């Protein structure tokens, strides 16, 4: 369990190419495995999570080659996956487990998928319920925790309204819908990231959105007019959820000037830029263009005081991965940060509400923890502002907590220690080396 020392610095400056987007890499890999022909995916994510997906696909009989960020996947076709000889291991990746549960539900064999201790504590009932309605047989520990034992087979189309906004559950249903005889519909009361829909269309599936409903036409049976998935050459854009840590550093440190190249700017993912802009952040977008249905561009950020604000309601689902960094910025803002309606943070890689409150208090911040969020005082509300002090941070094995507090520590008084800093590799193995290269002490 490596520790990382973080000392205060003067500024951050330079240009950085972020790792490939995690969410998109998962989806491209899974659909390439189900397609016919060989797909080539460039700038594939370096995250451990995404390589868990690749390893699971290998165990399902898919031929995969990786070299220098490029992945070549020879698809097995929708009906070509093989029964794995042993349980599939999703590691720490909820995306891997949930999306592959959708695929495995349509297979004519039994399989088991599990993960590490953290993943086995995360509730899976919300994905089990719709897949069971489609005809899969799924057994789980205490009816909601991994490992999941899945007996797949022919599936029936359903119309399903998500009780809780979740791009992962939506994606699992849509992937299972490829194996259904008819049209499967998912209704999402709050729009979530749409990478699955865009990727499905890119690979040739018939998928459409009508208002809040996404419809996928089953294609496992083949036949005239039934689409097949076809191999593609694709480039994964940079991960905006990783970009937020560097943006936060630029906003915190005087005289900062940072350029982030080729970042994914999908409108369902850029709410964090809107929130930061509403707080007064001097952020601009340049060179925006389309690539395989996704928007990509460069982000320029400079130092600037932040006002703070409240994040609640429908915004929470659109910011779920970025909330830890936004919360850790709270003491440095004028009015502080308040998060409401974010119960989902309790069941991520850690209880992120508790972990954020605990570590902010260690650094001297004033925090009110609530069941569905927390309130962090800013400068004008009695907070410590730039007087946050260095502390020993316990990320509880959570990559986003570790990275968020590494950034907060850059502007604190005194040295901070991040325990178990290598947990950042779950999403960004080179985070600390990339950060060190950009800092001026």
Protein backbone atom coordinates (compact mmCIF):
# COMPACT_ATOMS: atom_id res chain seq x y z
CA UNK A 1 0.00 0.00 0.00
CA UNK A 2 2.09 2.91 -1.27
CA UNK A 3 1.94 6.32 0.39
CA UNK A 4 2.34 9.54 -1.57
CA UNK A 5 3.63 12.79 -0.07
CA UNK A 6 2.01 15.98 -1.38
CA UNK A 7 3.66 19.32 -0.57
CA UNK A 8 2.22 22.76 -1.34
CA UNK A 9 3.23 24.16 -4.76
CA UNK A 10 3.22 27.55 -6.48
CA UNK A 11 1.43 26.79 -9.73
CA UNK A 12 0.54 24.24 -12.39
CA UNK A 13 1.30 24.87 -16.03
CA UNK A 14 1.73 23.02 -19.31
CA UNK A 15 -0.18 20.67 -21.59
CA UNK A 16 -1.40 17.16 -20.91
CA UNK A 17 -2.94 14.32 -22.91
CA UNK A 18 -5.33 12.50 -20.62
CA UNK A 19 -5.87 8.73 -20.68
CA UNK A 20 -8.69 7.39 -22.81
CA UNK A 21 -12.18 7.71 -21.38
CA UNK A 22 -13.03 4.78 -19.11
CA UNK A 23 -16.74 4.68 -19.90
CA UNK A 24 -16.20 4.71 -23.65
CA UNK A 25 -13.35 2.18 -23.55
CA UNK A 26 -15.52 -0.37 -21.70
CA UNK A 27 -18.30 0.00 -24.25
CA UNK A 28 -16.11 -0.10 -27.35
CA UNK A 29 -14.40 -3.25 -26.10
CA UNK A 30 -17.65 -5.09 -25.32
CA UNK A 31 -19.30 -4.18 -28.62
CA UNK A 32 -16.14 -5.01 -30.59
CA UNK A 33 -16.23 -8.46 -28.95
CA UNK A 34 -19.83 -8.93 -30.14
CA UNK A 35 -19.18 -7.60 -33.64
CA UNK A 36 -18.11 -9.46 -36.78
CA UNK A 37 -14.57 -8.73 -37.92
CA UNK A 38 -11.57 -7.11 -36.24
CA UNK A 39 -11.94 -3.73 -34.55
CA UNK A 40 -9.04 -1.46 -33.73
CA UNK A 41 -9.41 0.89 -30.77
CA UNK A 42 -6.77 3.59 -30.31
CA UNK A 43 -6.07 5.51 -27.07
CA UNK A 44 -7.80 2.79 -25.06
CA UNK A 45 -8.01 3.57 -21.35
CA UNK A 46 -5.04 2.60 -19.18
CA UNK A 47 -7.35 2.14 -16.19
CA UNK A 48 -7.28 -1.19 -14.37
CA UNK A 49 -11.09 -1.26 -14.66
CA UNK A 50 -10.99 -1.36 -18.45
CA UNK A 51 -8.33 -4.05 -18.53
CA UNK A 52 -10.59 -6.14 -16.29
CA UNK A 53 -13.18 -5.87 -19.06
CA UNK A 54 -10.62 -7.04 -21.64
CA UNK A 55 -9.61 -10.00 -19.46
CA UNK A 56 -13.25 -11.03 -18.95
CA UNK A 57 -13.79 -10.91 -22.71
CA UNK A 58 -10.70 -13.08 -23.26
CA UNK A 59 -12.14 -15.66 -20.87
CA UNK A 60 -15.29 -15.63 -23.00
CA UNK A 61 -13.23 -16.69 -26.01
CA UNK A 62 -12.55 -13.31 -27.65
CA UNK A 63 -9.16 -12.77 -29.30
CA UNK A 64 -7.61 -9.51 -28.05
CA UNK A 65 -4.19 -7.95 -28.72
CA UNK A 66 -2.91 -4.86 -26.91
CA UNK A 67 0.09 -2.70 -27.78
CA UNK A 68 0.98 0.89 -26.84
CA UNK A 69 -2.57 2.00 -26.06
CA UNK A 70 -3.99 0.28 -29.14
CA UNK A 71 -6.35 -2.67 -28.79
CA UNK A 72 -7.28 -5.07 -31.59
CA UNK A 73 -10.36 -7.18 -30.93
CA UNK A 74 -11.49 -9.95 -33.26
CA UNK A 75 -15.18 -10.17 -32.57
CA UNK A 76 -16.89 -13.46 -31.84
CA UNK A 77 -20.23 -12.19 -33.15
CA UNK A 78 -23.38 -12.04 -31.10
CA UNK A 79 -23.60 -15.82 -30.92
CA UNK A 80 -19.93 -16.67 -30.64
CA UNK A 81 -19.00 -16.20 -26.99
CA UNK A 82 -17.86 -19.34 -25.16
CA UNK A 83 -18.67 -20.51 -21.66
CA UNK A 84 -15.81 -19.43 -19.38
CA UNK A 85 -13.94 -22.18 -17.54
CA UNK A 86 -13.93 -20.22 -14.29
CA UNK A 87 -15.61 -17.18 -12.76
CA UNK A 88 -15.11 -13.86 -14.52
CA UNK A 89 -13.28 -11.31 -12.38
CA UNK A 90 -14.46 -7.70 -12.74
CA UNK A 91 -11.94 -6.46 -10.18
CA UNK A 92 -13.08 -3.11 -8.79
CA UNK A 93 -15.18 -2.28 -11.86
CA UNK A 94 -18.92 -1.93 -11.42
CA UNK A 95 -19.18 -1.03 -15.11
CA UNK A 96 -17.57 -4.33 -16.12
CA UNK A 97 -19.86 -6.37 -13.91
CA UNK A 98 -23.12 -4.62 -14.79
CA UNK A 99 -22.55 -4.35 -18.55
CA UNK A 100 -21.33 -7.92 -18.90
CA UNK A 101 -24.30 -9.11 -16.83
CA UNK A 102 -26.45 -7.76 -19.67
CA UNK A 103 -24.42 -9.62 -22.30
CA UNK A 104 -24.23 -12.86 -20.30
CA UNK A 105 -28.01 -12.84 -19.83
CA UNK A 106 -28.39 -13.54 -23.55
CA UNK A 107 -25.89 -16.42 -23.75
CA UNK A 108 -26.85 -20.12 -23.99
CA UNK A 109 -24.63 -21.09 -21.06
CA UNK A 110 -24.14 -20.54 -17.35
CA UNK A 111 -21.49 -18.16 -16.06
CA UNK A 112 -20.39 -16.47 -12.87
CA UNK A 113 -19.01 -12.94 -12.48
CA UNK A 114 -17.58 -11.41 -9.33
CA UNK A 115 -14.98 -8.86 -8.23
CA UNK A 116 -12.87 -7.60 -5.35
CA UNK A 117 -14.07 -7.01 -1.79
CA UNK A 118 -15.26 -3.49 -2.60
CA UNK A 119 -17.27 -4.58 -5.63
CA UNK A 120 -18.84 -7.47 -3.71
CA UNK A 121 -20.24 -4.92 -1.25
CA UNK A 122 -21.95 -2.85 -3.94
CA UNK A 123 -25.69 -3.53 -4.51
CA UNK A 124 -26.61 -5.20 -7.81
CA UNK A 125 -30.36 -5.68 -7.35
CA UNK A 126 -31.14 -2.77 -9.66
CA UNK A 127 -29.51 -4.60 -12.58
CA UNK A 128 -30.67 -8.08 -11.58
CA UNK A 129 -34.36 -7.11 -11.57
CA UNK A 130 -34.74 -5.96 -15.21
CA UNK A 131 -32.50 -8.73 -16.59
CA UNK A 132 -34.60 -11.30 -14.72
CA UNK A 133 -37.73 -9.77 -16.21
CA UNK A 134 -36.20 -10.32 -19.64
CA UNK A 135 -35.82 -14.04 -18.92
CA UNK A 136 -32.37 -14.51 -17.43
CA UNK A 137 -31.91 -16.54 -14.27
CA UNK A 138 -29.58 -14.72 -11.87
CA UNK A 139 -28.56 -15.82 -8.41
CA UNK A 140 -26.76 -13.41 -6.10
CA UNK A 141 -25.48 -13.42 -2.54
CA UNK A 142 -28.31 -12.19 -0.32
CA UNK A 143 -30.22 -11.58 -3.57
CA UNK A 144 -28.25 -8.44 -4.40
CA UNK A 145 -24.47 -8.84 -4.09
CA UNK A 146 -21.81 -10.39 -6.31
CA UNK A 147 -20.89 -13.00 -7.23
CA UNK A 148 -23.68 -13.23 -9.78
CA UNK A 149 -24.47 -16.67 -11.20
CA UNK A 150 -26.17 -16.11 -14.56
CA UNK A 151 -28.01 -18.69 -16.63
CA UNK A 152 -28.67 -17.01 -19.94
CA UNK A 153 -30.84 -17.88 -22.89
CA UNK A 154 -33.48 -16.40 -25.21
CA UNK A 155 -34.66 -13.05 -23.86
CA UNK A 156 -37.94 -11.20 -24.11
CA UNK A 157 -38.08 -7.46 -24.83
CA UNK A 158 -39.34 -5.24 -22.04
CA UNK A 159 -40.14 -1.61 -21.41
CA UNK A 160 -38.35 -0.60 -18.24
CA UNK A 161 -38.38 2.69 -16.34
CA UNK A 162 -35.22 3.22 -14.32
CA UNK A 163 -36.17 3.82 -10.66
CA UNK A 164 -32.75 5.41 -10.04
CA UNK A 165 -30.75 7.18 -12.77
CA UNK A 166 -27.97 4.81 -13.84
CA UNK A 167 -26.09 4.69 -17.12
CA UNK A 168 -24.74 1.27 -16.15
CA UNK A 169 -28.16 -0.29 -15.58
CA UNK A 170 -29.48 1.33 -18.76
CA UNK A 171 -26.52 -0.07 -20.66
CA UNK A 172 -26.96 -3.57 -19.26
CA UNK A 173 -30.59 -3.63 -20.44
CA UNK A 174 -29.70 -2.29 -23.89
CA UNK A 175 -26.94 -4.88 -24.32
CA UNK A 176 -29.32 -7.62 -23.24
CA UNK A 177 -31.82 -6.14 -25.69
CA UNK A 178 -29.51 -7.18 -28.54
CA UNK A 179 -30.48 -10.76 -27.67
CA UNK A 180 -34.22 -10.14 -27.35
CA UNK A 181 -36.81 -10.96 -29.98
CA UNK A 182 -38.23 -7.48 -30.56
CA UNK A 183 -37.71 -3.95 -29.27
CA UNK A 184 -36.50 -3.30 -25.74
CA UNK A 185 -37.16 0.16 -24.28
CA UNK A 186 -35.54 1.94 -21.37
CA UNK A 187 -37.15 5.07 -19.93
CA UNK A 188 -34.85 7.31 -17.89
CA UNK A 189 -36.54 10.10 -15.92
CA UNK A 190 -33.14 11.84 -15.70
CA UNK A 191 -30.86 11.68 -18.70
CA UNK A 192 -27.59 9.87 -18.00
CA UNK A 193 -24.43 9.52 -20.09
CA UNK A 194 -25.28 8.15 -23.53
CA UNK A 195 -22.01 6.50 -24.61
CA UNK A 196 -23.72 3.11 -24.96
CA UNK A 197 -26.35 4.41 -27.35
CA UNK A 198 -23.75 6.20 -29.46
CA UNK A 199 -21.46 3.16 -29.54
CA UNK A 200 -24.32 0.80 -30.42
CA UNK A 201 -25.22 3.00 -33.39
CA UNK A 202 -21.56 3.19 -34.44
CA UNK A 203 -21.30 -0.60 -34.52
CA UNK A 204 -24.50 -0.88 -36.58
CA UNK A 205 -27.27 -1.64 -34.09
CA UNK A 206 -30.70 -0.08 -34.50
CA UNK A 207 -31.04 2.22 -31.51
CA UNK A 208 -33.08 5.37 -31.17
CA UNK A 209 -34.07 7.93 -28.57
CA UNK A 210 -37.58 9.36 -28.41
CA UNK A 211 -37.80 11.95 -25.64
CA UNK A 212 -36.72 10.07 -22.49
CA UNK A 213 -37.03 6.59 -24.02
CA UNK A 214 -34.19 4.65 -25.65
CA UNK A 215 -35.20 1.74 -27.89
CA UNK A 216 -32.93 -1.09 -29.07
CA UNK A 217 -33.96 -3.54 -31.79
CA UNK A 218 -32.91 -7.11 -31.03
CA UNK A 219 -30.55 -8.53 -33.61
CA UNK A 220 -29.33 -11.86 -32.25
CA UNK A 221 -31.67 -13.83 -34.45
CA UNK A 222 -30.37 -12.47 -37.74
CA UNK A 223 -32.57 -12.49 -40.83
CA UNK A 224 -33.56 -9.85 -43.40
CA UNK A 225 -33.59 -6.32 -42.06
CA UNK A 226 -32.05 -7.34 -38.74
CA UNK A 227 -28.82 -5.42 -38.13
CA UNK A 228 -25.56 -7.12 -37.24
CA UNK A 229 -22.73 -5.51 -35.34
CA UNK A 230 -19.77 -4.74 -37.57
CA UNK A 231 -16.15 -4.10 -36.61
CA UNK A 232 -14.91 -0.50 -36.48
CA UNK A 233 -11.73 1.56 -36.22
CA UNK A 234 -12.21 3.96 -33.32
CA UNK A 235 -10.30 6.48 -31.22
CA UNK A 236 -11.23 6.93 -27.55
CA UNK A 237 -11.27 10.59 -26.43
CA UNK A 238 -9.57 11.73 -23.24
CA UNK A 239 -11.46 11.12 -20.00
CA UNK A 240 -13.26 14.23 -18.75
CA UNK A 241 -13.69 12.64 -15.32
CA UNK A 242 -9.88 12.56 -15.10
CA UNK A 243 -9.63 16.07 -16.53
CA UNK A 244 -11.54 17.52 -13.58
CA UNK A 245 -8.64 16.90 -11.19
CA UNK A 246 -6.25 18.96 -13.31
CA UNK A 247 -8.86 21.65 -13.90
CA UNK A 248 -9.30 21.92 -10.13
CA UNK A 249 -5.54 22.27 -9.64
CA UNK A 250 -5.38 25.09 -12.19
CA UNK A 251 -8.25 26.91 -10.48
CA UNK A 252 -6.61 26.60 -7.05
CA UNK A 253 -3.05 27.65 -7.84
CA UNK A 254 -2.13 31.27 -8.80
CA UNK A 255 -0.67 31.98 -12.25
CA UNK A 256 -1.78 28.57 -13.55
CA UNK A 257 -2.14 28.01 -17.29
CA UNK A 258 -3.19 24.51 -18.34
CA UNK A 259 -4.14 22.94 -21.68
CA UNK A 260 -5.89 19.56 -21.76
CA UNK A 261 -5.78 17.94 -25.21
CA UNK A 262 -8.46 15.84 -26.93
CA UNK A 263 -10.92 15.59 -24.05
CA UNK A 264 -14.32 13.96 -24.56
CA UNK A 265 -17.00 16.65 -24.49
CA UNK A 266 -20.13 14.53 -24.76
CA UNK A 267 -22.99 16.81 -23.60
CA UNK A 268 -24.12 14.18 -21.06
CA UNK A 269 -20.69 14.41 -19.41
CA UNK A 270 -19.86 18.15 -19.46
CA UNK A 271 -22.12 19.26 -16.61
CA UNK A 272 -18.98 19.63 -14.51
CA UNK A 273 -17.74 22.36 -16.87
CA UNK A 274 -21.08 24.15 -16.57
CA UNK A 275 -20.97 23.95 -12.77
CA UNK A 276 -17.41 25.26 -12.60
CA UNK A 277 -18.27 28.07 -15.01
CA UNK A 278 -21.27 29.02 -12.85
CA UNK A 279 -18.84 29.33 -9.92
CA UNK A 280 -16.68 31.73 -11.92
CA UNK A 281 -14.03 29.35 -13.27
CA UNK A 282 -12.07 30.77 -16.26
CA UNK A 283 -12.39 27.70 -18.50
CA UNK A 284 -12.69 27.72 -22.30
CA UNK A 285 -13.12 25.11 -25.03
CA UNK A 286 -11.20 25.12 -28.33
CA UNK A 287 -10.87 22.88 -31.40
CA UNK A 288 -14.17 21.08 -30.78
CA UNK A 289 -14.99 18.39 -33.36
CA UNK A 290 -16.89 15.12 -33.78
CA UNK A 291 -15.40 11.63 -33.68
CA UNK A 292 -17.46 8.42 -33.97
CA UNK A 293 -20.53 10.18 -32.61
CA UNK A 294 -18.64 11.74 -29.67
CA UNK A 295 -17.59 15.39 -29.29
CA UNK A 296 -13.89 15.99 -28.63
CA UNK A 297 -11.91 19.17 -27.97
CA UNK A 298 -9.26 20.95 -25.92
CA UNK A 299 -9.88 22.62 -22.56
CA UNK A 300 -7.94 25.68 -21.38
CA UNK A 301 -8.00 26.57 -17.67
CA UNK A 302 -6.44 29.35 -15.59
CA UNK A 303 -6.36 30.30 -11.93
CA UNK A 304 -9.53 31.99 -10.71
CA UNK A 305 -11.46 32.43 -7.44
CA UNK A 306 -14.56 30.26 -7.15
CA UNK A 307 -17.88 31.32 -5.66
CA UNK A 308 -19.21 27.90 -4.64
CA UNK A 309 -22.81 26.73 -4.76
CA UNK A 310 -25.37 23.94 -4.36
CA UNK A 311 -25.55 20.77 -6.45
CA UNK A 312 -28.78 18.81 -6.18
CA UNK A 313 -31.60 17.08 -8.03
CA UNK A 314 -31.06 16.01 -11.63
CA UNK A 315 -27.56 17.48 -11.68
CA UNK A 316 -26.27 14.80 -9.31
CA UNK A 317 -26.58 11.93 -11.81
CA UNK A 318 -24.67 13.95 -14.41
CA UNK A 319 -21.84 14.72 -11.96
CA UNK A 320 -21.59 11.47 -10.02
CA UNK A 321 -17.91 10.83 -10.85
CA UNK A 322 -16.87 14.48 -10.48
CA UNK A 323 -18.53 15.16 -7.11
CA UNK A 324 -15.54 14.11 -4.97
CA UNK A 325 -13.31 16.73 -6.59
CA UNK A 326 -16.01 19.41 -6.44
CA UNK A 327 -16.57 18.71 -2.74
CA UNK A 328 -12.83 18.84 -1.99
CA UNK A 329 -12.76 22.30 -3.61
CA UNK A 330 -15.40 23.50 -1.13
CA UNK A 331 -13.10 25.05 1.51
CA UNK A 332 -11.34 27.08 -1.19
CA UNK A 333 -14.56 28.62 -2.54
CA UNK A 334 -16.20 31.78 -1.25
CA UNK A 335 -19.57 30.31 -0.20
CA UNK A 336 -18.65 26.65 0.13
CA UNK A 337 -20.12 23.61 -1.58
CA UNK A 338 -23.37 21.82 -0.70
CA UNK A 339 -24.36 18.45 -2.18
CA UNK A 340 -27.94 17.15 -1.88
CA UNK A 341 -29.84 14.14 -3.30
CA UNK A 342 -26.59 12.17 -3.69
CA UNK A 343 -27.37 8.97 -1.76
CA UNK A 344 -25.71 7.10 -4.63
CA UNK A 345 -22.33 8.27 -3.32
CA UNK A 346 -22.82 5.97 -0.32
CA UNK A 347 -22.53 2.84 -2.52
CA UNK A 348 -19.64 3.68 -4.85
CA UNK A 349 -16.11 2.25 -4.46
CA UNK A 350 -16.34 3.61 -0.92
CA UNK A 351 -18.96 5.48 1.06
CA UNK A 352 -17.82 8.66 -0.62
CA UNK A 353 -19.91 10.97 1.56
CA UNK A 354 -18.31 9.58 4.72
CA UNK A 355 -14.81 9.49 3.18
CA UNK A 356 -15.05 13.10 1.99
CA UNK A 357 -16.31 14.34 5.35
CA UNK A 358 -13.66 12.43 7.30
CA UNK A 359 -10.71 13.63 5.23
CA UNK A 360 -11.87 17.23 4.91
CA UNK A 361 -12.15 17.40 8.70
CA UNK A 362 -8.62 16.01 8.98
CA UNK A 363 -7.48 19.00 6.91
CA UNK A 364 -9.37 21.44 9.13
CA UNK A 365 -12.47 22.07 7.05
CA UNK A 366 -15.92 22.58 8.56
CA UNK A 367 -18.20 19.84 7.24
CA UNK A 368 -21.80 18.88 7.92
CA UNK A 369 -22.45 15.30 6.81
CA UNK A 370 -26.00 14.33 5.84
CA UNK A 371 -27.61 11.06 4.69
CA UNK A 372 -27.81 12.27 1.07
CA UNK A 373 -24.81 14.60 0.89
CA UNK A 374 -22.82 17.16 2.82
CA UNK A 375 -22.16 20.86 3.31
CA UNK A 376 -18.60 22.18 3.24
CA UNK A 377 -18.02 25.69 4.56
CA UNK A 378 -16.19 28.20 2.38
CA UNK A 379 -14.23 31.33 3.21
CA UNK A 380 -17.18 33.65 3.84
CA UNK A 381 -19.10 31.08 5.90
CA UNK A 382 -16.45 30.53 8.54
CA UNK A 383 -14.41 28.01 6.57
CA UNK A 384 -10.66 27.78 6.54
CA UNK A 385 -10.13 28.73 2.89
CA UNK A 386 -6.46 28.67 1.96
CA UNK A 387 -5.63 27.74 5.56
CA UNK A 388 -6.46 24.05 5.04
CA UNK A 389 -3.67 22.17 6.73
CA UNK A 390 -1.76 19.15 5.55
CA UNK A 391 -2.96 15.83 6.93
CA UNK A 392 -2.77 12.08 6.45
CA UNK A 393 -5.55 11.13 4.06
CA UNK A 394 -7.29 7.76 4.02
CA UNK A 395 -8.98 7.26 0.63
CA UNK A 396 -10.54 3.95 1.76
CA UNK A 397 -9.24 2.30 -1.42
CA UNK A 398 -11.20 4.73 -3.61
CA UNK A 399 -9.34 6.14 -6.60
CA UNK A 400 -11.40 9.33 -6.86
CA UNK A 401 -11.01 10.15 -3.16
CA UNK A 402 -7.23 9.71 -3.42
CA UNK A 403 -6.94 11.98 -6.45
CA UNK A 404 -9.34 14.64 -5.11
CA UNK A 405 -7.37 15.05 -1.90
CA UNK A 406 -4.04 15.04 -3.70
CA UNK A 407 -5.30 18.16 -5.52
CA UNK A 408 -6.75 19.78 -2.39
CA UNK A 409 -3.39 19.23 -0.66
CA UNK A 410 -1.53 21.28 -3.29
CA UNK A 411 -2.91 24.51 -1.79
CA UNK A 412 -2.89 23.48 1.88
CA UNK A 413 -0.44 24.58 4.57
CA UNK A 414 2.09 21.83 5.16
CA UNK A 415 2.66 18.38 3.76
CA UNK A 416 -0.10 15.81 3.24
CA UNK A 417 0.23 12.06 2.96
CA UNK A 418 -2.13 10.04 0.76
CA UNK A 419 -2.36 6.47 2.06
CA UNK A 420 -2.81 3.66 -0.47
CA UNK A 421 -2.09 6.16 -3.25
CA UNK A 422 -1.73 3.39 -5.83
CA UNK A 423 -5.51 2.89 -5.73
CA UNK A 424 -5.56 5.75 -8.27
CA UNK A 425 -4.56 3.12 -10.86
CA UNK A 426 -8.16 1.91 -10.94
CA UNK A 427 -8.87 4.80 -13.32
CA UNK A 428 -5.58 6.68 -13.86
CA UNK A 429 -2.33 4.71 -13.32
CA UNK A 430 -0.12 7.67 -14.30
CA UNK A 431 -2.00 10.28 -12.27
CA UNK A 432 0.76 11.18 -9.83
CA UNK A 433 3.57 11.16 -12.39
CA UNK A 434 1.49 13.33 -14.74
CA UNK A 435 0.68 15.74 -11.92
CA UNK A 436 4.31 15.97 -10.80
CA UNK A 437 5.40 16.88 -14.33
CA UNK A 438 3.07 19.89 -14.45
CA UNK A 439 3.73 21.36 -10.99
CA UNK A 440 6.09 24.22 -10.22
CA UNK A 441 7.30 24.33 -6.63
